[in-house]
Amino acid sequence: MIDDTEIWYTDQVAEYLHTPATTIRWWRYIGQGPKSFKLGTRKVAYLRSDVEAWLQRQYAA
């Protein structure tokens, strides 16, 4: 199912953005990347719509 509420994980975001997963993690650490949230105690997740909105903001800047 592909829609705006699709949940992606770090590796999926990295693949979509053609960026290493370590860079995605670094962006999260410094507060620069797409909005993320925790699922449970260890899993970091992203909403597809948040990743796409962040990408649009990068393009517009």
PDB file of N, CA and C in Angstrom:
ATOM      1  N   MET A   1       0.848  -1.182   0.000  1.00  0.00           N
ATOM      2  CA  MET A   1       0.000   0.000   0.000  1.00  0.00           C
ATOM      3  C   MET A   1       0.888   1.237   0.000  1.00  0.00           C
ATOM      4  N   ILE A   2       0.668   2.107  -0.935  1.00  0.00           N
ATOM      5  CA  ILE A   2       1.437   3.344  -0.994  1.00  0.00           C
ATOM      6  C   ILE A   2       0.466   4.503  -0.855  1.00  0.00           C
ATOM      7  N   ASP A   3       0.642   5.231   0.233  1.00  0.00           N
ATOM      8  CA  ASP A   3      -0.163   6.426   0.464  1.00  0.00           C
ATOM      9  C   ASP A   3       0.608   7.365   1.368  1.00  0.00           C
ATOM     10  N   ASP A   4      -0.002   8.469   1.768  1.00  0.00           N
ATOM     11  CA  ASP A   4       0.686   9.479   2.565  1.00  0.00           C
ATOM     12  C   ASP A   4       1.014   9.019   3.986  1.00  0.00           C
ATOM     13  N   THR A   5       0.359   7.969   4.469  1.00  0.00           N
ATOM     14  CA  THR A   5       0.619   7.524   5.831  1.00  0.00           C
ATOM     15  C   THR A   5       1.548   6.307   5.868  1.00  0.00           C
ATOM     16  N   GLU A   6       2.174   6.005   4.753  1.00  0.00           N
ATOM     17  CA  GLU A   6       3.103   4.884   4.699  1.00  0.00           C
ATOM     18  C   GLU A   6       4.279   5.153   5.647  1.00  0.00           C
ATOM     19  N   ILE A   7       4.657   4.144   6.417  1.00  0.00           N
ATOM     20  CA  ILE A   7       5.760   4.269   7.358  1.00  0.00           C
ATOM     21  C   ILE A   7       7.021   3.723   6.715  1.00  0.00           C
ATOM     22  N   TRP A   8       8.066   4.528   6.761  1.00  0.00           N
ATOM     23  CA  TRP A   8       9.377   4.139   6.263  1.00  0.00           C
ATOM     24  C   TRP A   8      10.352   4.107   7.422  1.00  0.00           C
ATOM     25  N   TYR A   9      11.403   3.310   7.262  1.00  0.00           N
ATOM     26  CA  TYR A   9      12.485   3.245   8.244  1.00  0.00           C
ATOM     27  C   TYR A   9      13.726   3.873   7.624  1.00  0.00           C
ATOM     28  N   THR A  10      14.747   4.058   8.414  1.00  0.00           N
ATOM     29  CA  THR A  10      15.938   4.791   7.980  1.00  0.00           C
ATOM     30  C   THR A  10      16.483   4.288   6.650  1.00  0.00           C
ATOM     31  N   ASP A  11      16.608   2.987   6.480  1.00  0.00           N
ATOM     32  CA  ASP A  11      17.158   2.450   5.230  1.00  0.00           C
ATOM     33  C   ASP A  11      16.282   2.778   4.024  1.00  0.00           C
ATOM     34  N   GLN A  12      14.976   2.788   4.218  1.00  0.00           N
ATOM     35  CA  GLN A  12      14.065   3.121   3.118  1.00  0.00           C
ATOM     36  C   GLN A  12      14.169   4.605   2.761  1.00  0.00           C
ATOM     37  N   VAL A  13      14.292   5.460   3.775  1.00  0.00           N
ATOM     38  CA  VAL A  13      14.460   6.893   3.523  1.00  0.00           C
ATOM     39  C   VAL A  13      15.774   7.127   2.783  1.00  0.00           C
ATOM     40  N   ALA A  14      16.825   6.457   3.222  1.00  0.00           N
ATOM     41  CA  ALA A  14      18.129   6.594   2.578  1.00  0.00           C
ATOM     42  C   ALA A  14      18.066   6.178   1.112  1.00  0.00           C
ATOM     43  N   GLU A  15      17.392   5.084   0.840  1.00  0.00           N
ATOM     44  CA  GLU A  15      17.257   4.618  -0.545  1.00  0.00           C
ATOM     45  C   GLU A  15      16.466   5.626  -1.376  1.00  0.00           C
ATOM     46  N   TYR A  16      15.378   6.132  -0.834  1.00  0.00           N
ATOM     47  CA  TYR A  16      14.530   7.091  -1.545  1.00  0.00           C
ATOM     48  C   TYR A  16      15.304   8.374  -1.867  1.00  0.00           C
ATOM     49  N   LEU A  17      16.120   8.832  -0.907  1.00  0.00           N
ATOM     50  CA  LEU A  17      16.867  10.079  -1.084  1.00  0.00           C
ATOM     51  C   LEU A  17      18.234   9.865  -1.733  1.00  0.00           C
ATOM     52  N   HIS A  18      18.571   8.609  -2.021  1.00  0.00           N
ATOM     53  CA  HIS A  18      19.883   8.279  -2.601  1.00  0.00           C
ATOM     54  C   HIS A  18      21.003   8.850  -1.732  1.00  0.00           C
ATOM     55  N   THR A  19      20.877   8.605  -0.439  1.00  0.00           N
ATOM     56  CA  THR A  19      21.792   9.125   0.565  1.00  0.00           C
ATOM     57  C   THR A  19      22.145   7.993   1.518  1.00  0.00           C
ATOM     58  N   PRO A  20      23.380   7.906   1.988  1.00  0.00           N
ATOM     59  CA  PRO A  20      23.723   6.838   2.944  1.00  0.00           C
ATOM     60  C   PRO A  20      22.888   6.920   4.226  1.00  0.00           C
ATOM     61  N   ALA A  21      22.562   5.776   4.779  1.00  0.00           N
ATOM     62  CA  ALA A  21      21.783   5.721   6.021  1.00  0.00           C
ATOM     63  C   ALA A  21      22.505   6.460   7.152  1.00  0.00           C
ATOM     64  N   THR A  22      23.832   6.439   7.151  1.00  0.00           N
ATOM     65  CA  THR A  22      24.579   7.158   8.193  1.00  0.00           C
ATOM     66  C   THR A  22      24.314   8.662   8.115  1.00  0.00           C
ATOM     67  N   THR A  23      24.135   9.173   6.901  1.00  0.00           N
ATOM     68  CA  THR A  23      23.813  10.596   6.731  1.00  0.00           C
ATOM     69  C   THR A  23      22.420  10.894   7.264  1.00  0.00           C
ATOM     70  N   ILE A  24      21.472  10.011   6.993  1.00  0.00           N
ATOM     71  CA  ILE A  24      20.111  10.188   7.517  1.00  0.00           C
ATOM     72  C   ILE A  24      20.148  10.219   9.048  1.00  0.00           C
ATOM     73  N   ARG A  25      20.917   9.318   9.635  1.00  0.00           N
ATOM     74  CA  ARG A  25      21.046   9.283  11.106  1.00  0.00           C
ATOM     75  C   ARG A  25      21.693  10.566  11.628  1.00  0.00           C
ATOM     76  N   TRP A  26      22.707  11.050  10.938  1.00  0.00           N
ATOM     77  CA  TRP A  26      23.376  12.287  11.342  1.00  0.00           C
ATOM     78  C   TRP A  26      22.407  13.468  11.272  1.00  0.00           C
ATOM     79  N   TRP A  27      21.666  13.559  10.166  1.00  0.00           N
ATOM     80  CA  TRP A  27      20.682  14.633  10.044  1.00  0.00           C
ATOM     81  C   TRP A  27      19.691  14.587  11.199  1.00  0.00           C
ATOM     82  N   ARG A  28      19.253  13.374  11.572  1.00  0.00           N
ATOM     83  CA  ARG A  28      18.314  13.241  12.683  1.00  0.00           C
ATOM     84  C   ARG A  28      18.958  13.732  13.968  1.00  0.00           C
ATOM     85  N   TYR A  29      20.206  13.371  14.176  1.00  0.00           N
ATOM     86  CA  TYR A  29      20.940  13.755  15.386  1.00  0.00           C
ATOM     87  C   TYR A  29      21.068  15.272  15.509  1.00  0.00           C
ATOM     88  N   ILE A  30      21.355  15.959  14.399  1.00  0.00           N
ATOM     89  CA  ILE A  30      21.541  17.408  14.447  1.00  0.00           C
ATOM     90  C   ILE A  30      20.250  18.179  14.171  1.00  0.00           C
ATOM     91  N   GLY A  31      19.153  17.455  13.957  1.00  0.00           N
ATOM     92  CA  GLY A  31      17.859  18.098  13.754  1.00  0.00           C
ATOM     93  C   GLY A  31      17.674  18.719  12.382  1.00  0.00           C
ATOM     94  N   GLN A  32      18.353  18.208  11.356  1.00  0.00           N
ATOM     95  CA  GLN A  32      18.289  18.786  10.026  1.00  0.00           C
ATOM     96  C   GLN A  32      17.457  17.989   9.025  1.00  0.00           C
ATOM     97  N   GLY A  33      17.219  16.740   9.283  1.00  0.00           N
ATOM     98  CA  GLY A  33      16.563  15.876   8.305  1.00  0.00           C
ATOM     99  C   GLY A  33      15.052  15.856   8.415  1.00  0.00           C
ATOM    100  N   PRO A  34      14.438  14.920   7.704  1.00  0.00           N
ATOM    101  CA  PRO A  34      12.983  14.776   7.765  1.00  0.00           C
ATOM    102  C   PRO A  34      12.512  14.439   9.179  1.00  0.00           C
ATOM    103  N   LYS A  35      11.302  14.832   9.481  1.00  0.00           N
ATOM    104  CA  LYS A  35      10.703  14.552  10.788  1.00  0.00           C
ATOM    105  C   LYS A  35      10.625  13.037  11.000  1.00  0.00           C
ATOM    106  N   SER A  36      11.049  12.599  12.187  1.00  0.00           N
ATOM    107  CA  SER A  36      11.022  11.173  12.515  1.00  0.00           C
ATOM    108  C   SER A  36      10.352  10.973  13.867  1.00  0.00           C
ATOM    109  N   PHE A  37      10.076   9.724  14.175  1.00  0.00           N
ATOM    110  CA  PHE A  37       9.500   9.390  15.481  1.00  0.00           C
ATOM    111  C   PHE A  37       9.922   7.981  15.853  1.00  0.00           C
ATOM    112  N   LYS A  38       9.804   7.655  17.139  1.00  0.00           N
ATOM    113  CA  LYS A  38      10.197   6.339  17.625  1.00  0.00           C
ATOM    114  C   LYS A  38       9.002   5.401  17.623  1.00  0.00           C
ATOM    115  N   LEU A  39       9.241   4.190  17.166  1.00  0.00           N
ATOM    116  CA  LEU A  39       8.280   3.100  17.298  1.00  0.00           C
ATOM    117  C   LEU A  39       8.880   2.130  18.309  1.00  0.00           C
ATOM    118  N   GLY A  40       8.297   2.058  19.475  1.00  0.00           N
ATOM    119  CA  GLY A  40       8.900   1.237  20.524  1.00  0.00           C
ATOM    120  C   GLY A  40      10.102   1.950  21.110  1.00  0.00           C
ATOM    121  N   THR A  41      11.051   1.183  21.592  1.00  0.00           N
ATOM    122  CA  THR A  41      12.207   1.785  22.250  1.00  0.00           C
ATOM    123  C   THR A  41      13.385   2.023  21.321  1.00  0.00           C
ATOM    124  N   ARG A  42      13.444   1.313  20.187  1.00  0.00           N
ATOM    125  CA  ARG A  42      14.635   1.408  19.350  1.00  0.00           C
ATOM    126  C   ARG A  42      14.377   1.768  17.892  1.00  0.00           C
ATOM    127  N   LYS A  43      13.233   1.502  17.375  1.00  0.00           N
ATOM    128  CA  LYS A  43      12.973   1.675  15.949  1.00  0.00           C
ATOM    129  C   LYS A  43      12.624   3.127  15.638  1.00  0.00           C
ATOM    130  N   VAL A  44      13.347   3.718  14.696  1.00  0.00           N
ATOM    131  CA  VAL A  44      13.065   5.081  14.245  1.00  0.00           C
ATOM    132  C   VAL A  44      12.289   4.978  12.943  1.00  0.00           C
ATOM    133  N   ALA A  45      11.207   5.733  12.852  1.00  0.00           N
ATOM    134  CA  ALA A  45      10.339   5.667  11.690  1.00  0.00           C
ATOM    135  C   ALA A  45      10.074   7.066  11.143  1.00  0.00           C
ATOM    136  N   TYR A  46       9.641   7.087   9.896  1.00  0.00           N
ATOM    137  CA  TYR A  46       9.315   8.325   9.186  1.00  0.00           C
ATOM    138  C   TYR A  46       8.005   8.103   8.452  1.00  0.00           C
ATOM    139  N   LEU A  47       7.185   9.119   8.375  1.00  0.00           N
ATOM    140  CA  LEU A  47       6.028   9.068   7.484  1.00  0.00           C
ATOM    141  C   LEU A  47       6.491   9.501   6.102  1.00  0.00           C
ATOM    142  N   ARG A  48       6.047   8.773   5.107  1.00  0.00           N
ATOM    143  CA  ARG A  48       6.426   9.115   3.730  1.00  0.00           C
ATOM    144  C   ARG A  48       6.088  10.572   3.431  1.00  0.00           C
ATOM    145  N   SER A  49       4.933  11.018   3.868  1.00  0.00           N
ATOM    146  CA  SER A  49       4.523  12.397   3.599  1.00  0.00           C
ATOM    147  C   SER A  49       5.479  13.397   4.236  1.00  0.00           C
ATOM    148  N   ASP A  50       6.034  13.095   5.407  1.00  0.00           N
ATOM    149  CA  ASP A  50       7.006  13.982   6.054  1.00  0.00           C
ATOM    150  C   ASP A  50       8.320  14.023   5.272  1.00  0.00           C
ATOM    151  N   VAL A  51       8.749  12.883   4.768  1.00  0.00           N
ATOM    152  CA  VAL A  51       9.981  12.829   3.971  1.00  0.00           C
ATOM    153  C   VAL A  51       9.801  13.632   2.686  1.00  0.00           C
ATOM    154  N   GLU A  52       8.670  13.460   2.024  1.00  0.00           N
ATOM    155  CA  GLU A  52       8.420  14.182   0.778  1.00  0.00           C
ATOM    156  C   GLU A  52       8.276  15.687   1.023  1.00  0.00           C
ATOM    157  N   ALA A  53       7.642  16.073   2.137  1.00  0.00           N
ATOM    158  CA  ALA A  53       7.513  17.497   2.469  1.00  0.00           C
ATOM    159  C   ALA A  53       8.885  18.104   2.757  1.00  0.00           C
ATOM    160  N   TRP A  54       9.731  17.380   3.475  1.00  0.00           N
ATOM    161  CA  TRP A  54      11.082  17.850   3.761  1.00  0.00           C
ATOM    162  C   TRP A  54      11.860  18.028   2.457  1.00  0.00           C
ATOM    163  N   LEU A  55      11.725  17.075   1.552  1.00  0.00           N
ATOM    164  CA  LEU A  55      12.424  17.153   0.269  1.00  0.00           C
ATOM    165  C   LEU A  55      11.955  18.374  -0.525  1.00  0.00           C
ATOM    166  N   GLN A  56      10.669  18.645  -0.511  1.00  0.00           N
ATOM    167  CA  GLN A  56      10.132  19.829  -1.202  1.00  0.00           C
ATOM    168  C   GLN A  56      10.701  21.107  -0.602  1.00  0.00           C
ATOM    169  N   ARG A  57      10.819  21.156   0.725  1.00  0.00           N
ATOM    170  CA  ARG A  57      11.393  22.336   1.389  1.00  0.00           C
ATOM    171  C   ARG A  57      12.859  22.515   0.973  1.00  0.00           C
ATOM    172  N   GLN A  58      13.599  21.430   0.836  1.00  0.00           N
ATOM    173  CA  GLN A  58      14.997  21.509   0.407  1.00  0.00           C
ATOM    174  C   GLN A  58      15.078  22.048  -1.008  1.00  0.00           C
ATOM    175  N   TYR A  59      14.184  21.596  -1.849  1.00  0.00           N
ATOM    176  CA  TYR A  59      14.153  22.056  -3.242  1.00  0.00           C
ATOM    177  C   TYR A  59      13.832  23.553  -3.330  1.00  0.00           C
ATOM    178  N   ALA A  60      12.882  23.980  -2.501  1.00  0.00           N
ATOM    179  CA  ALA A  60      12.434  25.374  -2.538  1.00  0.00           C
ATOM    180  C   ALA A  60      13.482  26.335  -1.970  1.00  0.00           C
ATOM    181  N   ALA A  61      14.343  25.824  -1.119  1.00  0.00           N
ATOM    182  CA  ALA A  61      15.328  26.698  -0.446  1.00  0.00           C
ATOM    183  C   ALA A  61      16.439  27.105  -1.332  1.00  0.00           C
TER     184      ALA A  61
END
